Amino acid sequence: MIKVYSKPNCHYCSRAKKLLEQKGIPFEMIDITENPDDRQFLINKGHKQVPQFYYDNEVFVEGGFEGLSNLSNEELKAKLEAS
């Protein structure tokens, strides 16, 4: 399952959630303000912004919401099958 690292009141995080729901992609939202370990995980990976998308602790999509929204349904499905 895709993990979406996010924080409250993040417009792009909300848009990412809506987009994944529209595409029928299962995901888990992880609020980095609720768990310092999740926040530190992103910092250690070099991220400074959310949302970030991971699958099995590996980057699933580069570029945050913009990267996700630029994937076609076919590209997204292929990435899921390859993961």
PDB file of N, CA and C in Angstrom:
ATOM      1  N   MET A   1       0.836  -1.171   0.000  1.00  0.00           N
ATOM      2  CA  MET A   1       0.000   0.000   0.000  1.00  0.00           C
ATOM      3  C   MET A   1       0.891   1.248   0.000  1.00  0.00           C
ATOM      4  N   ILE A   2       0.479   2.247  -0.735  1.00  0.00           N
ATOM      5  CA  ILE A   2       1.208   3.504  -0.794  1.00  0.00           C
ATOM      6  C   ILE A   2       1.026   4.244   0.526  1.00  0.00           C
ATOM      7  N   LYS A   3       2.112   4.789   1.036  1.00  0.00           N
ATOM      8  CA  LYS A   3       2.064   5.652   2.209  1.00  0.00           C
ATOM      9  C   LYS A   3       2.208   7.087   1.726  1.00  0.00           C
ATOM     10  N   VAL A   4       1.280   7.920   2.148  1.00  0.00           N
ATOM     11  CA  VAL A   4       1.309   9.336   1.794  1.00  0.00           C
ATOM     12  C   VAL A   4       1.660  10.110   3.059  1.00  0.00           C
ATOM     13  N   TYR A   5       2.865  10.644   3.087  1.00  0.00           N
ATOM     14  CA  TYR A   5       3.303  11.448   4.226  1.00  0.00           C
ATOM     15  C   TYR A   5       2.765  12.858   4.023  1.00  0.00           C
ATOM     16  N   SER A   6       2.050  13.347   5.047  1.00  0.00           N
ATOM     17  CA  SER A   6       1.360  14.627   4.915  1.00  0.00           C
ATOM     18  C   SER A   6       1.367  15.369   6.248  1.00  0.00           C
ATOM     19  N   LYS A   7       0.715  16.527   6.240  1.00  0.00           N
ATOM     20  CA  LYS A   7       0.517  17.287   7.466  1.00  0.00           C
ATOM     21  C   LYS A   7      -0.814  18.020   7.356  1.00  0.00           C
ATOM     22  N   PRO A   8      -1.383  18.433   8.489  1.00  0.00           N
ATOM     23  CA  PRO A   8      -2.670  19.135   8.458  1.00  0.00           C
ATOM     24  C   PRO A   8      -2.583  20.445   7.673  1.00  0.00           C
ATOM     25  N   ASN A   9      -3.711  20.813   7.114  1.00  0.00           N
ATOM     26  CA  ASN A   9      -3.851  22.081   6.393  1.00  0.00           C
ATOM     27  C   ASN A   9      -2.900  22.199   5.199  1.00  0.00           C
ATOM     28  N   CYS A  10      -2.552  21.092   4.612  1.00  0.00           N
ATOM     29  CA  CYS A  10      -1.696  21.073   3.432  1.00  0.00           C
ATOM     30  C   CYS A  10      -2.595  20.868   2.207  1.00  0.00           C
ATOM     31  N   HIS A  11      -2.694  21.905   1.405  1.00  0.00           N
ATOM     32  CA  HIS A  11      -3.559  21.875   0.222  1.00  0.00           C
ATOM     33  C   HIS A  11      -3.153  20.749  -0.733  1.00  0.00           C
ATOM     34  N   TYR A  12      -1.861  20.587  -0.975  1.00  0.00           N
ATOM     35  CA  TYR A  12      -1.406  19.551  -1.900  1.00  0.00           C
ATOM     36  C   TYR A  12      -1.626  18.155  -1.334  1.00  0.00           C
ATOM     37  N   CYS A  13      -1.550  18.012  -0.018  1.00  0.00           N
ATOM     38  CA  CYS A  13      -1.827  16.715   0.615  1.00  0.00           C
ATOM     39  C   CYS A  13      -3.296  16.338   0.404  1.00  0.00           C
ATOM     40  N   SER A  14      -4.179  17.302   0.587  1.00  0.00           N
ATOM     41  CA  SER A  14      -5.611  17.065   0.377  1.00  0.00           C
ATOM     42  C   SER A  14      -5.895  16.710  -1.078  1.00  0.00           C
ATOM     43  N   ARG A  15      -5.250  17.388  -1.978  1.00  0.00           N
ATOM     44  CA  ARG A  15      -5.443  17.111  -3.407  1.00  0.00           C
ATOM     45  C   ARG A  15      -4.915  15.723  -3.766  1.00  0.00           C
ATOM     46  N   ALA A  16      -3.793  15.333  -3.155  1.00  0.00           N
ATOM     47  CA  ALA A  16      -3.232  14.004  -3.411  1.00  0.00           C
ATOM     48  C   ALA A  16      -4.188  12.922  -2.931  1.00  0.00           C
ATOM     49  N   LYS A  17      -4.749  13.109  -1.749  1.00  0.00           N
ATOM     50  CA  LYS A  17      -5.709  12.145  -1.198  1.00  0.00           C
ATOM     51  C   LYS A  17      -6.905  12.004  -2.136  1.00  0.00           C
ATOM     52  N   LYS A  18      -7.446  13.125  -2.568  1.00  0.00           N
ATOM     53  CA  LYS A  18      -8.607  13.109  -3.464  1.00  0.00           C
ATOM     54  C   LYS A  18      -8.269  12.413  -4.784  1.00  0.00           C
ATOM     55  N   LEU A  19      -7.092  12.694  -5.330  1.00  0.00           N
ATOM     56  CA  LEU A  19      -6.686  12.090  -6.598  1.00  0.00           C
ATOM     57  C   LEU A  19      -6.553  10.570  -6.470  1.00  0.00           C
ATOM     58  N   LEU A  20      -5.921  10.116  -5.413  1.00  0.00           N
ATOM     59  CA  LEU A  20      -5.771   8.674  -5.207  1.00  0.00           C
ATOM     60  C   LEU A  20      -7.130   8.003  -5.007  1.00  0.00           C
ATOM     61  N   GLU A  21      -8.021   8.664  -4.287  1.00  0.00           N
ATOM     62  CA  GLU A  21      -9.367   8.123  -4.098  1.00  0.00           C
ATOM     63  C   GLU A  21     -10.097   8.027  -5.433  1.00  0.00           C
ATOM     64  N   GLN A  22      -9.993   9.054  -6.266  1.00  0.00           N
ATOM     65  CA  GLN A  22     -10.647   9.055  -7.574  1.00  0.00           C
ATOM     66  C   GLN A  22     -10.130   7.930  -8.462  1.00  0.00           C
ATOM     67  N   LYS A  23      -8.839   7.626  -8.333  1.00  0.00           N
ATOM     68  CA  LYS A  23      -8.240   6.576  -9.151  1.00  0.00           C
ATOM     69  C   LYS A  23      -8.421   5.187  -8.547  1.00  0.00           C
ATOM     70  N   GLY A  24      -8.987   5.137  -7.342  1.00  0.00           N
ATOM     71  CA  GLY A  24      -9.228   3.857  -6.687  1.00  0.00           C
ATOM     72  C   GLY A  24      -7.961   3.183  -6.186  1.00  0.00           C
ATOM     73  N   ILE A  25      -6.958   3.982  -5.846  1.00  0.00           N
ATOM     74  CA  ILE A  25      -5.675   3.459  -5.376  1.00  0.00           C
ATOM     75  C   ILE A  25      -5.691   3.428  -3.846  1.00  0.00           C
ATOM     76  N   PRO A  26      -5.484   2.253  -3.244  1.00  0.00           N
ATOM     77  CA  PRO A  26      -5.431   2.207  -1.779  1.00  0.00           C
ATOM     78  C   PRO A  26      -4.180   2.902  -1.256  1.00  0.00           C
ATOM     79  N   PHE A  27      -4.329   3.618  -0.155  1.00  0.00           N
ATOM     80  CA  PHE A  27      -3.210   4.353   0.417  1.00  0.00           C
ATOM     81  C   PHE A  27      -3.438   4.544   1.908  1.00  0.00           C
ATOM     82  N   GLU A  28      -2.375   4.894   2.588  1.00  0.00           N
ATOM     83  CA  GLU A  28      -2.426   5.212   4.009  1.00  0.00           C
ATOM     84  C   GLU A  28      -1.872   6.618   4.183  1.00  0.00           C
ATOM     85  N   MET A  29      -2.640   7.485   4.828  1.00  0.00           N
ATOM     86  CA  MET A  29      -2.172   8.836   5.118  1.00  0.00           C
ATOM     87  C   MET A  29      -1.397   8.799   6.425  1.00  0.00           C
ATOM     88  N   ILE A  30      -0.213   9.386   6.433  1.00  0.00           N
ATOM     89  CA  ILE A  30       0.614   9.451   7.620  1.00  0.00           C
ATOM     90  C   ILE A  30       0.880  10.919   7.930  1.00  0.00           C
ATOM     91  N   ASP A  31       0.370  11.360   9.063  1.00  0.00           N
ATOM     92  CA  ASP A  31       0.519  12.748   9.502  1.00  0.00           C
ATOM     93  C   ASP A  31       1.857  12.881  10.226  1.00  0.00           C
ATOM     94  N   ILE A  32       2.794  13.583   9.612  1.00  0.00           N
ATOM     95  CA  ILE A  32       4.138  13.685  10.197  1.00  0.00           C
ATOM     96  C   ILE A  32       4.169  14.549  11.452  1.00  0.00           C
ATOM     97  N   THR A  33       3.091  15.291  11.727  1.00  0.00           N
ATOM     98  CA  THR A  33       3.054  16.083  12.953  1.00  0.00           C
ATOM     99  C   THR A  33       2.667  15.237  14.153  1.00  0.00           C
ATOM    100  N   GLU A  34       2.146  14.047  13.922  1.00  0.00           N
ATOM    101  CA  GLU A  34       1.722  13.178  15.016  1.00  0.00           C
ATOM    102  C   GLU A  34       2.817  12.228  15.479  1.00  0.00           C
ATOM    103  N   ASN A  35       3.820  11.995  14.636  1.00  0.00           N
ATOM    104  CA  ASN A  35       4.864  11.044  15.003  1.00  0.00           C
ATOM    105  C   ASN A  35       6.220  11.585  14.550  1.00  0.00           C
ATOM    106  N   PRO A  36       7.070  11.923  15.501  1.00  0.00           N
ATOM    107  CA  PRO A  36       8.391  12.463  15.152  1.00  0.00           C
ATOM    108  C   PRO A  36       9.229  11.490  14.304  1.00  0.00           C
ATOM    109  N   ASP A  37       9.023  10.189  14.477  1.00  0.00           N
ATOM    110  CA  ASP A  37       9.787   9.210  13.694  1.00  0.00           C
ATOM    111  C   ASP A  37       9.443   9.308  12.209  1.00  0.00           C
ATOM    112  N   ASP A  38       8.174   9.541  11.901  1.00  0.00           N
ATOM    113  CA  ASP A  38       7.769   9.689  10.495  1.00  0.00           C
ATOM    114  C   ASP A  38       8.358  10.959   9.889  1.00  0.00           C
ATOM    115  N   ARG A  39       8.348  12.029  10.662  1.00  0.00           N
ATOM    116  CA  ARG A  39       8.949  13.287  10.197  1.00  0.00           C
ATOM    117  C   ARG A  39      10.443  13.094   9.966  1.00  0.00           C
ATOM    118  N   GLN A  40      11.109  12.431  10.901  1.00  0.00           N
ATOM    119  CA  GLN A  40      12.548  12.202  10.783  1.00  0.00           C
ATOM    120  C   GLN A  40      12.865  11.313   9.587  1.00  0.00           C
ATOM    121  N   PHE A  41      11.999  10.334   9.314  1.00  0.00           N
ATOM    122  CA  PHE A  41      12.173   9.472   8.142  1.00  0.00           C
ATOM    123  C   PHE A  41      12.264  10.317   6.873  1.00  0.00           C
ATOM    124  N   LEU A  42      11.347  11.278   6.720  1.00  0.00           N
ATOM    125  CA  LEU A  42      11.362  12.135   5.524  1.00  0.00           C
ATOM    126  C   LEU A  42      12.595  13.016   5.483  1.00  0.00           C
ATOM    127  N   ILE A  43      12.965  13.568   6.622  1.00  0.00           N
ATOM    128  CA  ILE A  43      14.161  14.410   6.687  1.00  0.00           C
ATOM    129  C   ILE A  43      15.387  13.598   6.285  1.00  0.00           C
ATOM    130  N   ASN A  44      15.489  12.381   6.807  1.00  0.00           N
ATOM    131  CA  ASN A  44      16.628  11.511   6.481  1.00  0.00           C
ATOM    132  C   ASN A  44      16.679  11.169   5.001  1.00  0.00           C
ATOM    133  N   LYS A  45      15.522  11.140   4.351  1.00  0.00           N
ATOM    134  CA  LYS A  45      15.453  10.850   2.918  1.00  0.00           C
ATOM    135  C   LYS A  45      15.691  12.103   2.073  1.00  0.00           C
ATOM    136  N   GLY A  46      15.865  13.261   2.735  1.00  0.00           N
ATOM    137  CA  GLY A  46      16.170  14.495   2.022  1.00  0.00           C
ATOM    138  C   GLY A  46      14.966  15.324   1.622  1.00  0.00           C
ATOM    139  N   HIS A  47      13.793  14.997   2.144  1.00  0.00           N
ATOM    140  CA  HIS A  47      12.582  15.748   1.794  1.00  0.00           C
ATOM    141  C   HIS A  47      12.379  16.923   2.736  1.00  0.00           C
ATOM    142  N   LYS A  48      11.889  18.002   2.166  1.00  0.00           N
ATOM    143  CA  LYS A  48      11.600  19.198   2.950  1.00  0.00           C
ATOM    144  C   LYS A  48      10.133  19.590   2.867  1.00  0.00           C
ATOM    145  N   GLN A  49       9.380  18.910   1.990  1.00  0.00           N
ATOM    146  CA  GLN A  49       7.984  19.253   1.793  1.00  0.00           C
ATOM    147  C   GLN A  49       7.139  17.979   1.748  1.00  0.00           C
ATOM    148  N   VAL A  50       5.866  18.156   1.973  1.00  0.00           N
ATOM    149  CA  VAL A  50       4.890  17.075   1.816  1.00  0.00           C
ATOM    150  C   VAL A  50       3.872  17.524   0.788  1.00  0.00           C
ATOM    151  N   PRO A  51       3.174  16.623   0.148  1.00  0.00           N
ATOM    152  CA  PRO A  51       3.156  15.194   0.397  1.00  0.00           C
ATOM    153  C   PRO A  51       4.330  14.484  -0.268  1.00  0.00           C
ATOM    154  N   GLN A  52       4.671  13.341   0.329  1.00  0.00           N
ATOM    155  CA  GLN A  52       5.653  12.433  -0.247  1.00  0.00           C
ATOM    156  C   GLN A  52       5.014  11.052  -0.308  1.00  0.00           C
ATOM    157  N   PHE A  53       5.339  10.307  -1.344  1.00  0.00           N
ATOM    158  CA  PHE A  53       4.702   9.021  -1.583  1.00  0.00           C
ATOM    159  C   PHE A  53       5.742   7.908  -1.535  1.00  0.00           C
ATOM    160  N   TYR A  54       5.477   6.923  -0.698  1.00  0.00           N
ATOM    161  CA  TYR A  54       6.400   5.804  -0.531  1.00  0.00           C
ATOM    162  C   TYR A  54       5.654   4.480  -0.646  1.00  0.00           C
ATOM    163  N   TYR A  55       6.402   3.485  -1.094  1.00  0.00           N
ATOM    164  CA  TYR A  55       5.895   2.113  -1.151  1.00  0.00           C
ATOM    165  C   TYR A  55       7.042   1.222  -0.691  1.00  0.00           C
ATOM    166  N   ASP A  56       6.836   0.458   0.365  1.00  0.00           N
ATOM    167  CA  ASP A  56       7.887  -0.389   0.951  1.00  0.00           C
ATOM    168  C   ASP A  56       9.144   0.424   1.274  1.00  0.00           C
ATOM    169  N   ASN A  57       8.953   1.577   1.877  1.00  0.00           N
ATOM    170  CA  ASN A  57      10.042   2.471   2.299  1.00  0.00           C
ATOM    171  C   ASN A  57      10.913   2.986   1.156  1.00  0.00           C
ATOM    172  N   GLU A  58      10.421   2.922  -0.058  1.00  0.00           N
ATOM    173  CA  GLU A  58      11.107   3.477  -1.233  1.00  0.00           C
ATOM    174  C   GLU A  58      10.201   4.528  -1.865  1.00  0.00           C
ATOM    175  N   VAL A  59      10.813   5.555  -2.426  1.00  0.00           N
ATOM    176  CA  VAL A  59      10.028   6.600  -3.095  1.00  0.00           C
ATOM    177  C   VAL A  59       9.185   5.965  -4.187  1.00  0.00           C
ATOM    178  N   PHE A  60       7.892   6.260  -4.153  1.00  0.00           N
ATOM    179  CA  PHE A  60       6.975   5.731  -5.166  1.00  0.00           C
ATOM    180  C   PHE A  60       6.847   6.707  -6.326  1.00  0.00           C
ATOM    181  N   VAL A  61       6.748   7.983  -5.999  1.00  0.00           N
ATOM    182  CA  VAL A  61       6.621   9.035  -7.012  1.00  0.00           C
ATOM    183  C   VAL A  61       7.483  10.216  -6.579  1.00  0.00           C
ATOM    184  N   GLU A  62       8.336  10.678  -7.449  1.00  0.00           N
ATOM    185  CA  GLU A  62       9.133  11.889  -7.206  1.00  0.00           C
ATOM    186  C   GLU A  62       8.281  13.109  -7.495  1.00  0.00           C
ATOM    187  N   GLY A  63       8.544  14.195  -6.785  1.00  0.00           N
ATOM    188  CA  GLY A  63       7.920  15.470  -7.129  1.00  0.00           C
ATOM    189  C   GLY A  63       6.635  15.785  -6.405  1.00  0.00           C
ATOM    190  N   GLY A  64       6.328  15.070  -5.318  1.00  0.00           N
ATOM    191  CA  GLY A  64       5.136  15.378  -4.540  1.00  0.00           C
ATOM    192  C   GLY A  64       3.855  15.270  -5.349  1.00  0.00           C
ATOM    193  N   PHE A  65       2.895  16.158  -5.043  1.00  0.00           N
ATOM    194  CA  PHE A  65       1.602  16.106  -5.719  1.00  0.00           C
ATOM    195  C   PHE A  65       1.744  16.281  -7.222  1.00  0.00           C
ATOM    196  N   GLU A  66       2.600  17.178  -7.644  1.00  0.00           N
ATOM    197  CA  GLU A  66       2.767  17.412  -9.080  1.00  0.00           C
ATOM    198  C   GLU A  66       3.250  16.146  -9.784  1.00  0.00           C
ATOM    199  N   GLY A  67       4.199  15.456  -9.174  1.00  0.00           N
ATOM    200  CA  GLY A  67       4.683  14.204  -9.750  1.00  0.00           C
ATOM    201  C   GLY A  67       3.577  13.169  -9.858  1.00  0.00           C
ATOM    202  N   LEU A  68       2.751  13.073  -8.823  1.00  0.00           N
ATOM    203  CA  LEU A  68       1.635  12.121  -8.836  1.00  0.00           C
ATOM    204  C   LEU A  68       0.624  12.497  -9.901  1.00  0.00           C
ATOM    205  N   SER A  69       0.268  13.770  -9.964  1.00  0.00           N
ATOM    206  CA  SER A  69      -0.777  14.194 -10.898  1.00  0.00           C
ATOM    207  C   SER A  69      -0.322  14.109 -12.356  1.00  0.00           C
ATOM    208  N   ASN A  70       0.986  14.095 -12.594  1.00  0.00           N
ATOM    209  CA  ASN A  70       1.488  13.976 -13.959  1.00  0.00           C
ATOM    210  C   ASN A  70       1.474  12.548 -14.486  1.00  0.00           C
ATOM    211  N   LEU A  71       1.261  11.570 -13.596  1.00  0.00           N
ATOM    212  CA  LEU A  71       1.212  10.173 -14.043  1.00  0.00           C
ATOM    213  C   LEU A  71      -0.144   9.862 -14.654  1.00  0.00           C
ATOM    214  N   SER A  72      -0.141   9.215 -15.792  1.00  0.00           N
ATOM    215  CA  SER A  72      -1.399   8.746 -16.368  1.00  0.00           C
ATOM    216  C   SER A  72      -1.874   7.542 -15.561  1.00  0.00           C
ATOM    217  N   ASN A  73      -3.113   7.162 -15.753  1.00  0.00           N
ATOM    218  CA  ASN A  73      -3.638   5.967 -15.073  1.00  0.00           C
ATOM    219  C   ASN A  73      -2.807   4.744 -15.408  1.00  0.00           C
ATOM    220  N   GLU A  74      -2.374   4.628 -16.655  1.00  0.00           N
ATOM    221  CA  GLU A  74      -1.571   3.487 -17.087  1.00  0.00           C
ATOM    222  C   GLU A  74      -0.202   3.485 -16.409  1.00  0.00           C
ATOM    223  N   GLU A  75       0.418   4.668 -16.323  1.00  0.00           N
ATOM    224  CA  GLU A  75       1.729   4.765 -15.665  1.00  0.00           C
ATOM    225  C   GLU A  75       1.626   4.434 -14.179  1.00  0.00           C
ATOM    226  N   LEU A  76       0.570   4.932 -13.550  1.00  0.00           N
ATOM    227  CA  LEU A  76       0.360   4.662 -12.133  1.00  0.00           C
ATOM    228  C   LEU A  76       0.134   3.175 -11.900  1.00  0.00           C
ATOM    229  N   LYS A  77      -0.681   2.554 -12.734  1.00  0.00           N
ATOM    230  CA  LYS A  77      -0.941   1.123 -12.605  1.00  0.00           C
ATOM    231  C   LYS A  77       0.341   0.316 -12.825  1.00  0.00           C
ATOM    232  N   ALA A  78       1.149   0.704 -13.787  1.00  0.00           N
ATOM    233  CA  ALA A  78       2.400   0.008 -14.058  1.00  0.00           C
ATOM    234  C   ALA A  78       3.361   0.129 -12.876  1.00  0.00           C
ATOM    235  N   LYS A  79       3.429   1.300 -12.263  1.00  0.00           N
ATOM    236  CA  LYS A  79       4.291   1.490 -11.091  1.00  0.00           C
ATOM    237  C   LYS A  79       3.827   0.613  -9.933  1.00  0.00           C
ATOM    238  N   LEU A  80       2.517   0.515  -9.742  1.00  0.00           N
ATOM    239  CA  LEU A  80       1.984  -0.317  -8.669  1.00  0.00           C
ATOM    240  C   LEU A  80       2.310  -1.799  -8.913  1.00  0.00           C
ATOM    241  N   GLU A  81       2.166  -2.221 -10.140  1.00  0.00           N
ATOM    242  CA  GLU A  81       2.454  -3.628 -10.474  1.00  0.00           C
ATOM    243  C   GLU A  81       3.933  -3.950 -10.358  1.00  0.00           C
ATOM    244  N   ALA A  82       4.780  -2.964 -10.636  1.00  0.00           N
ATOM    245  CA  ALA A  82       6.215  -3.178 -10.566  1.00  0.00           C
ATOM    246  C   ALA A  82       6.733  -3.143  -9.126  1.00  0.00           C
ATOM    247  N   SER A  83       5.975  -2.510  -8.234  1.00  0.00           N
ATOM    248  CA  SER A  83       6.419  -2.376  -6.833  1.00  0.00           C
ATOM    249  C   SER A  83       6.173  -3.638  -6.046  1.00  0.00           C
TER     250      SER A  83
END
